[in-house]
Amino acid sequence: MTGSVRRRNPLALAGEVGMALSMVAGRSQVARAIVGEANLTGHDKAADVGCGPGAAMRVAPARGVPVTGIDPSPVALRMARILSRNSPAGQVTYSPGSAEHLPLPDGSVTVVWSISSVHHWADLAAGCAEIHRVLAPGGRVLLAERLLRPGASGHGFSSERAEELCRTLTSVGFTAVGSHTITTGRRKRIIMRGERPAAGSAR
């Protein structure tokens, strides 16, 4: 009906709220670890793809780095804005979007990370290509997932799937592609990373 307000499914909304709350509790350690792995400097501009309630978004500004959080969930973004209300002015922004359609101009950031969200992407190749697009030459990407047992599936990546993603990063133009594991709390994480070649460099 024209002019009517579309009501969201209450069960779906409750699920989004529950997921966002679980991420608030569970992402602090890994957020600090990934921001540390990014080797941020005062010259960087960052983007967090699948930012959820913004755990890493509250770490980067403490290092003087402005960061844009991107997530398809309105609930997660609303929670992130509330939790980030004390962040330095102008250092934190949030936008709705997905990995496959990032709401950022070409070459506008120098670092992109995604923490425990890559396994939700609908199209890995499209997401990696979009990250390549928004990174400035010389920029870097870090994709972190919980490490799963060989052959396992679910909320995380096995080493085999990590290798597949590294091949995808290479195929869309990243160089210096590789992966390594870290431990945060009781969990092992696998980080897949790459660099967009600097201007004028050969692949």
C-alpha atoms as a PDB file:
ATOM      1  CA  MET A   1       0.000   0.000   0.000  1.00  0.00           C
ATOM      2  CA  THR A   2       1.339   3.444  -0.946  1.00  0.00           C
ATOM      3  CA  GLY A   3       2.718   5.330   2.034  1.00  0.00           C
ATOM      4  CA  SER A   4       2.748   2.290   4.313  1.00  0.00           C
ATOM      5  CA  VAL A   5       5.706   1.510   6.558  1.00  0.00           C
ATOM      6  CA  ARG A   6       7.352  -1.809   5.865  1.00  0.00           C
ATOM      7  CA  ARG A   7       7.602  -3.784   9.072  1.00  0.00           C
ATOM      8  CA  ARG A   8      10.610  -6.001   9.623  1.00  0.00           C
ATOM      9  CA  ASN A   9      10.168  -9.610  10.620  1.00  0.00           C
ATOM     10  CA  PRO A  10      10.514  -9.541  14.436  1.00  0.00           C
ATOM     11  CA  LEU A  11      12.320 -12.896  14.481  1.00  0.00           C
ATOM     12  CA  ALA A  12      14.848 -11.681  11.919  1.00  0.00           C
ATOM     13  CA  LEU A  13      15.302  -8.460  13.871  1.00  0.00           C
ATOM     14  CA  ALA A  14      15.852 -10.388  17.105  1.00  0.00           C
ATOM     15  CA  GLY A  15      18.429 -12.522  15.321  1.00  0.00           C
ATOM     16  CA  GLU A  16      20.319  -9.440  14.144  1.00  0.00           C
ATOM     17  CA  VAL A  17      20.289  -7.960  17.635  1.00  0.00           C
ATOM     18  CA  GLY A  18      21.552 -11.216  19.129  1.00  0.00           C
ATOM     19  CA  MET A  19      24.346 -11.480  16.579  1.00  0.00           C
ATOM     20  CA  ALA A  20      25.404  -7.867  17.123  1.00  0.00           C
ATOM     21  CA  LEU A  21      25.496  -8.353  20.894  1.00  0.00           C
ATOM     22  CA  SER A  22      27.588 -11.516  20.547  1.00  0.00           C
ATOM     23  CA  MET A  23      30.063  -9.610  18.381  1.00  0.00           C
ATOM     24  CA  VAL A  24      30.354  -6.854  20.990  1.00  0.00           C
ATOM     25  CA  ALA A  25      31.417  -9.457  23.523  1.00  0.00           C
ATOM     26  CA  GLY A  26      33.602 -11.544  21.241  1.00  0.00           C
ATOM     27  CA  ARG A  27      35.527  -9.253  18.918  1.00  0.00           C
ATOM     28  CA  SER A  28      37.585  -6.978  21.179  1.00  0.00           C
ATOM     29  CA  GLN A  29      40.699  -9.142  21.338  1.00  0.00           C
ATOM     30  CA  VAL A  30      40.782  -9.997  17.657  1.00  0.00           C
ATOM     31  CA  ALA A  31      40.004  -6.369  16.737  1.00  0.00           C
ATOM     32  CA  ARG A  32      43.062  -5.162  18.627  1.00  0.00           C
ATOM     33  CA  ALA A  33      45.156  -7.910  17.053  1.00  0.00           C
ATOM     34  CA  ILE A  34      44.092  -7.117  13.483  1.00  0.00           C
ATOM     35  CA  VAL A  35      44.561  -3.386  13.897  1.00  0.00           C
ATOM     36  CA  GLY A  36      48.030  -4.188  15.231  1.00  0.00           C
ATOM     37  CA  GLU A  37      48.724  -6.443  12.234  1.00  0.00           C
ATOM     38  CA  ALA A  38      47.769  -3.582   9.911  1.00  0.00           C
ATOM     39  CA  ASN A  39      50.797  -1.549  11.069  1.00  0.00           C
ATOM     40  CA  LEU A  40      48.835   1.693  10.920  1.00  0.00           C
ATOM     41  CA  THR A  41      50.512   5.072  10.617  1.00  0.00           C
ATOM     42  CA  GLY A  42      49.175   8.599  10.824  1.00  0.00           C
ATOM     43  CA  HIS A  43      49.056   8.700   7.006  1.00  0.00           C
ATOM     44  CA  ASP A  44      46.556   5.845   6.730  1.00  0.00           C
ATOM     45  CA  LYS A  45      42.831   5.893   6.026  1.00  0.00           C
ATOM     46  CA  ALA A  46      41.071   2.630   6.829  1.00  0.00           C
ATOM     47  CA  ALA A  47      37.878   0.764   6.039  1.00  0.00           C
ATOM     48  CA  ASP A  48      36.339  -2.065   8.061  1.00  0.00           C
ATOM     49  CA  VAL A  49      34.218  -4.327   5.840  1.00  0.00           C
ATOM     50  CA  GLY A  50      31.540  -6.133   7.830  1.00  0.00           C
ATOM     51  CA  CYS A  51      32.299  -3.965  10.859  1.00  0.00           C
ATOM     52  CA  GLY A  52      29.395  -5.269  12.948  1.00  0.00           C
ATOM     53  CA  PRO A  53      29.112  -3.243  16.165  1.00  0.00           C
ATOM     54  CA  GLY A  54      32.476  -1.598  15.456  1.00  0.00           C
ATOM     55  CA  ALA A  55      35.042  -3.181  17.790  1.00  0.00           C
ATOM     56  CA  ALA A  56      37.990  -2.372  15.502  1.00  0.00           C
ATOM     57  CA  MET A  57      36.435   0.991  14.707  1.00  0.00           C
ATOM     58  CA  ARG A  58      37.133   2.075  18.256  1.00  0.00           C
ATOM     59  CA  VAL A  59      40.766   0.911  18.160  1.00  0.00           C
ATOM     60  CA  ALA A  60      42.022   2.602  14.966  1.00  0.00           C
ATOM     61  CA  PRO A  61      41.120   6.223  15.909  1.00  0.00           C
ATOM     62  CA  ALA A  62      43.252   5.888  19.056  1.00  0.00           C
ATOM     63  CA  ARG A  63      46.174   5.572  16.626  1.00  0.00           C
ATOM     64  CA  GLY A  64      45.161   8.686  14.739  1.00  0.00           C
ATOM     65  CA  VAL A  65      43.658   6.807  11.788  1.00  0.00           C
ATOM     66  CA  PRO A  66      40.231   7.726  10.382  1.00  0.00           C
ATOM     67  CA  VAL A  67      38.129   4.679   9.581  1.00  0.00           C
ATOM     68  CA  THR A  68      34.866   3.940   7.764  1.00  0.00           C
ATOM     69  CA  GLY A  69      32.784   1.008   8.941  1.00  0.00           C
ATOM     70  CA  ILE A  70      30.627  -0.796   6.397  1.00  0.00           C
ATOM     71  CA  ASP A  71      27.953  -3.366   7.194  1.00  0.00           C
ATOM     72  CA  PRO A  72      24.687  -4.520   5.601  1.00  0.00           C
ATOM     73  CA  SER A  73      22.874  -4.749   8.963  1.00  0.00           C
ATOM     74  CA  PRO A  74      21.050  -1.588  10.122  1.00  0.00           C
ATOM     75  CA  VAL A  75      20.927  -3.025  13.643  1.00  0.00           C
ATOM     76  CA  ALA A  76      24.692  -3.529  13.792  1.00  0.00           C
ATOM     77  CA  LEU A  77      25.344  -0.048  12.415  1.00  0.00           C
ATOM     78  CA  ARG A  78      22.965   1.528  14.929  1.00  0.00           C
ATOM     79  CA  MET A  79      24.728  -0.258  17.768  1.00  0.00           C
ATOM     80  CA  ALA A  80      28.137   0.671  16.373  1.00  0.00           C
ATOM     81  CA  ARG A  81      27.238   4.355  16.258  1.00  0.00           C
ATOM     82  CA  ILE A  82      26.066   4.260  19.869  1.00  0.00           C
ATOM     83  CA  LEU A  83      29.201   2.473  21.066  1.00  0.00           C
ATOM     84  CA  SER A  84      31.460   4.840  19.077  1.00  0.00           C
ATOM     85  CA  ARG A  85      29.843   8.063  20.243  1.00  0.00           C
ATOM     86  CA  ASN A  86      32.930   9.008  22.281  1.00  0.00           C
ATOM     87  CA  SER A  87      35.363   8.509  19.384  1.00  0.00           C
ATOM     88  CA  PRO A  88      37.334  11.567  18.204  1.00  0.00           C
ATOM     89  CA  ALA A  89      35.247  13.853  16.016  1.00  0.00           C
ATOM     90  CA  GLY A  90      35.548  13.115  12.318  1.00  0.00           C
ATOM     91  CA  GLN A  91      37.547   9.933  12.810  1.00  0.00           C
ATOM     92  CA  VAL A  92      34.741   7.371  12.610  1.00  0.00           C
ATOM     93  CA  THR A  93      31.991   7.078  10.014  1.00  0.00           C
ATOM     94  CA  TYR A  94      29.553   4.269   9.225  1.00  0.00           C
ATOM     95  CA  SER A  95      27.837   3.405   5.958  1.00  0.00           C
ATOM     96  CA  PRO A  96      25.460   0.632   4.904  1.00  0.00           C
ATOM     97  CA  GLY A  97      26.907  -1.652   2.258  1.00  0.00           C
ATOM     98  CA  SER A  98      28.347  -5.044   1.435  1.00  0.00           C
ATOM     99  CA  ALA A  99      31.757  -6.334   0.399  1.00  0.00           C
ATOM    100  CA  GLU A 100      30.525  -6.698  -3.166  1.00  0.00           C
ATOM    101  CA  HIS A 101      29.305  -3.077  -3.304  1.00  0.00           C
ATOM    102  CA  LEU A 102      31.492  -0.871  -1.126  1.00  0.00           C
ATOM    103  CA  PRO A 103      30.192   2.705  -0.722  1.00  0.00           C
ATOM    104  CA  LEU A 104      33.654   4.233  -1.205  1.00  0.00           C
ATOM    105  CA  PRO A 105      35.346   6.068  -4.094  1.00  0.00           C
ATOM    106  CA  ASP A 106      38.191   4.495  -6.050  1.00  0.00           C
ATOM    107  CA  GLY A 107      41.547   4.625  -4.272  1.00  0.00           C
ATOM    108  CA  SER A 108      40.104   6.361  -1.206  1.00  0.00           C
ATOM    109  CA  VAL A 109      41.646   4.261   1.599  1.00  0.00           C
ATOM    110  CA  THR A 110      45.061   2.775   2.320  1.00  0.00           C
ATOM    111  CA  VAL A 111      44.036  -0.156   4.534  1.00  0.00           C
ATOM    112  CA  VAL A 112      41.028  -2.467   4.419  1.00  0.00           C
ATOM    113  CA  TRP A 113      40.328  -5.203   6.931  1.00  0.00           C
ATOM    114  CA  SER A 114      37.480  -7.606   7.505  1.00  0.00           C
ATOM    115  CA  ILE A 115      37.141  -9.518  10.755  1.00  0.00           C
ATOM    116  CA  SER A 116      35.113 -12.732  10.862  1.00  0.00           C
ATOM    117  CA  SER A 117      32.808 -11.652   8.054  1.00  0.00           C
ATOM    118  CA  VAL A 118      34.352 -13.002   4.850  1.00  0.00           C
ATOM    119  CA  HIS A 119      32.519 -16.305   5.273  1.00  0.00           C
ATOM    120  CA  HIS A 120      29.265 -14.332   4.888  1.00  0.00           C
ATOM    121  CA  TRP A 121      30.226 -12.781   1.538  1.00  0.00           C
ATOM    122  CA  ALA A 122      27.977 -13.829  -1.323  1.00  0.00           C
ATOM    123  CA  ASP A 123      30.767 -13.523  -3.915  1.00  0.00           C
ATOM    124  CA  LEU A 124      34.411 -13.743  -2.797  1.00  0.00           C
ATOM    125  CA  ALA A 125      35.854 -12.626  -6.127  1.00  0.00           C
ATOM    126  CA  ALA A 126      33.551  -9.589  -6.312  1.00  0.00           C
ATOM    127  CA  GLY A 127      34.380  -8.631  -2.728  1.00  0.00           C
ATOM    128  CA  CYS A 128      38.125  -8.898  -3.325  1.00  0.00           C
ATOM    129  CA  ALA A 129      37.819  -6.881  -6.545  1.00  0.00           C
ATOM    130  CA  GLU A 130      35.886  -4.151  -4.730  1.00  0.00           C
ATOM    131  CA  ILE A 131      38.561  -3.948  -2.040  1.00  0.00           C
ATOM    132  CA  HIS A 132      41.202  -3.653  -4.758  1.00  0.00           C
ATOM    133  CA  ARG A 133      39.189  -0.818  -6.310  1.00  0.00           C
ATOM    134  CA  VAL A 134      38.860   1.272  -3.144  1.00  0.00           C
ATOM    135  CA  LEU A 135      42.481   0.817  -2.063  1.00  0.00           C
ATOM    136  CA  ALA A 136      45.033   3.406  -3.101  1.00  0.00           C
ATOM    137  CA  PRO A 137      48.163   2.100  -4.862  1.00  0.00           C
ATOM    138  CA  GLY A 138      50.395   0.593  -2.202  1.00  0.00           C
ATOM    139  CA  GLY A 139      47.403  -0.095   0.050  1.00  0.00           C
ATOM    140  CA  ARG A 140      46.932  -3.341   1.927  1.00  0.00           C
ATOM    141  CA  VAL A 141      44.142  -5.725   2.841  1.00  0.00           C
ATOM    142  CA  LEU A 142      43.792  -8.058   5.836  1.00  0.00           C
ATOM    143  CA  LEU A 143      41.003 -10.631   5.974  1.00  0.00           C
ATOM    144  CA  ALA A 144      40.741 -12.468   9.300  1.00  0.00           C
ATOM    145  CA  GLU A 145      38.693 -15.580  10.012  1.00  0.00           C
ATOM    146  CA  ARG A 146      38.481 -18.185  12.744  1.00  0.00           C
ATOM    147  CA  LEU A 147      40.619 -21.152  11.723  1.00  0.00           C
ATOM    148  CA  LEU A 148      38.565 -24.298  11.180  1.00  0.00           C
ATOM    149  CA  ARG A 149      39.694 -27.900  11.048  1.00  0.00           C
ATOM    150  CA  PRO A 150      40.543 -29.287   7.576  1.00  0.00           C
ATOM    151  CA  GLY A 151      37.364 -30.050   5.679  1.00  0.00           C
ATOM    152  CA  ALA A 152      35.145 -28.220   8.172  1.00  0.00           C
ATOM    153  CA  SER A 153      32.668 -25.513   7.199  1.00  0.00           C
ATOM    154  CA  GLY A 154      30.813 -22.843   9.125  1.00  0.00           C
ATOM    155  CA  HIS A 155      31.752 -19.567  10.749  1.00  0.00           C
ATOM    156  CA  GLY A 156      35.380 -19.444   9.735  1.00  0.00           C
ATOM    157  CA  PHE A 157      37.893 -20.695   7.174  1.00  0.00           C
ATOM    158  CA  SER A 158      39.859 -23.903   6.916  1.00  0.00           C
ATOM    159  CA  SER A 159      43.442 -23.654   5.678  1.00  0.00           C
ATOM    160  CA  GLU A 160      42.262 -25.016   2.326  1.00  0.00           C
ATOM    161  CA  ARG A 161      39.672 -22.293   1.951  1.00  0.00           C
ATOM    162  CA  ALA A 162      42.243 -19.692   2.995  1.00  0.00           C
ATOM    163  CA  GLU A 163      44.491 -20.872   0.172  1.00  0.00           C
ATOM    164  CA  GLU A 164      41.567 -20.525  -2.219  1.00  0.00           C
ATOM    165  CA  LEU A 165      40.947 -16.966  -1.060  1.00  0.00           C
ATOM    166  CA  CYS A 166      44.639 -16.118  -1.477  1.00  0.00           C
ATOM    167  CA  ARG A 167      44.416 -17.307  -5.079  1.00  0.00           C
ATOM    168  CA  THR A 168      41.371 -15.081  -5.526  1.00  0.00           C
ATOM    169  CA  LEU A 169      43.246 -12.076  -4.132  1.00  0.00           C
ATOM    170  CA  THR A 170      46.041 -12.729  -6.614  1.00  0.00           C
ATOM    171  CA  SER A 171      43.592 -13.103  -9.505  1.00  0.00           C
ATOM    172  CA  VAL A 172      42.059  -9.648  -8.940  1.00  0.00           C
ATOM    173  CA  GLY A 173      45.439  -7.911  -8.860  1.00  0.00           C
ATOM    174  CA  PHE A 174      46.891  -8.141  -5.355  1.00  0.00           C
ATOM    175  CA  THR A 175      50.567  -8.904  -4.819  1.00  0.00           C
ATOM    176  CA  ALA A 176      52.546 -10.062  -1.757  1.00  0.00           C
ATOM    177  CA  VAL A 177      49.613 -12.360  -1.021  1.00  0.00           C
ATOM    178  CA  GLY A 178      49.889 -14.828   1.842  1.00  0.00           C
ATOM    179  CA  SER A 179      48.373 -16.090   5.063  1.00  0.00           C
ATOM    180  CA  HIS A 180      49.461 -16.748   8.616  1.00  0.00           C
ATOM    181  CA  THR A 181      47.826 -17.696  11.902  1.00  0.00           C
ATOM    182  CA  ILE A 182      47.579 -15.880  15.203  1.00  0.00           C
ATOM    183  CA  THR A 183      45.979 -16.804  18.515  1.00  0.00           C
ATOM    184  CA  THR A 184      43.508 -14.531  20.281  1.00  0.00           C
ATOM    185  CA  GLY A 185      42.176 -15.844  23.550  1.00  0.00           C
ATOM    186  CA  ARG A 186      41.537 -19.557  23.042  1.00  0.00           C
ATOM    187  CA  ARG A 187      41.016 -19.363  19.298  1.00  0.00           C
ATOM    188  CA  LYS A 188      43.307 -19.544  16.327  1.00  0.00           C
ATOM    189  CA  ARG A 189      42.688 -17.065  13.539  1.00  0.00           C
ATOM    190  CA  ILE A 190      43.958 -17.128   9.998  1.00  0.00           C
ATOM    191  CA  ILE A 191      44.812 -13.827   8.335  1.00  0.00           C
ATOM    192  CA  MET A 192      44.921 -13.559   4.566  1.00  0.00           C
ATOM    193  CA  ARG A 193      46.614 -10.450   3.288  1.00  0.00           C
ATOM    194  CA  GLY A 194      47.772  -8.738   0.141  1.00  0.00           C
ATOM    195  CA  GLU A 195      48.882  -5.420  -1.280  1.00  0.00           C
ATOM    196  CA  ARG A 196      47.674  -3.330  -4.169  1.00  0.00           C
ATOM    197  CA  PRO A 197      50.780  -2.667  -6.282  1.00  0.00           C
ATOM    198  CA  ALA A 198      52.220   0.819  -5.964  1.00  0.00           C
ATOM    199  CA  ALA A 199      51.732   3.121  -8.926  1.00  0.00           C
ATOM    200  CA  GLY A 200      54.113   2.258 -11.750  1.00  0.00           C
ATOM    201  CA  SER A 201      55.186  -1.076 -10.283  1.00  0.00           C
ATOM    202  CA  ALA A 202      55.000  -4.283 -12.288  1.00  0.00           C
ATOM    203  CA  ARG A 203      52.883  -7.161 -11.031  1.00  0.00           C
END
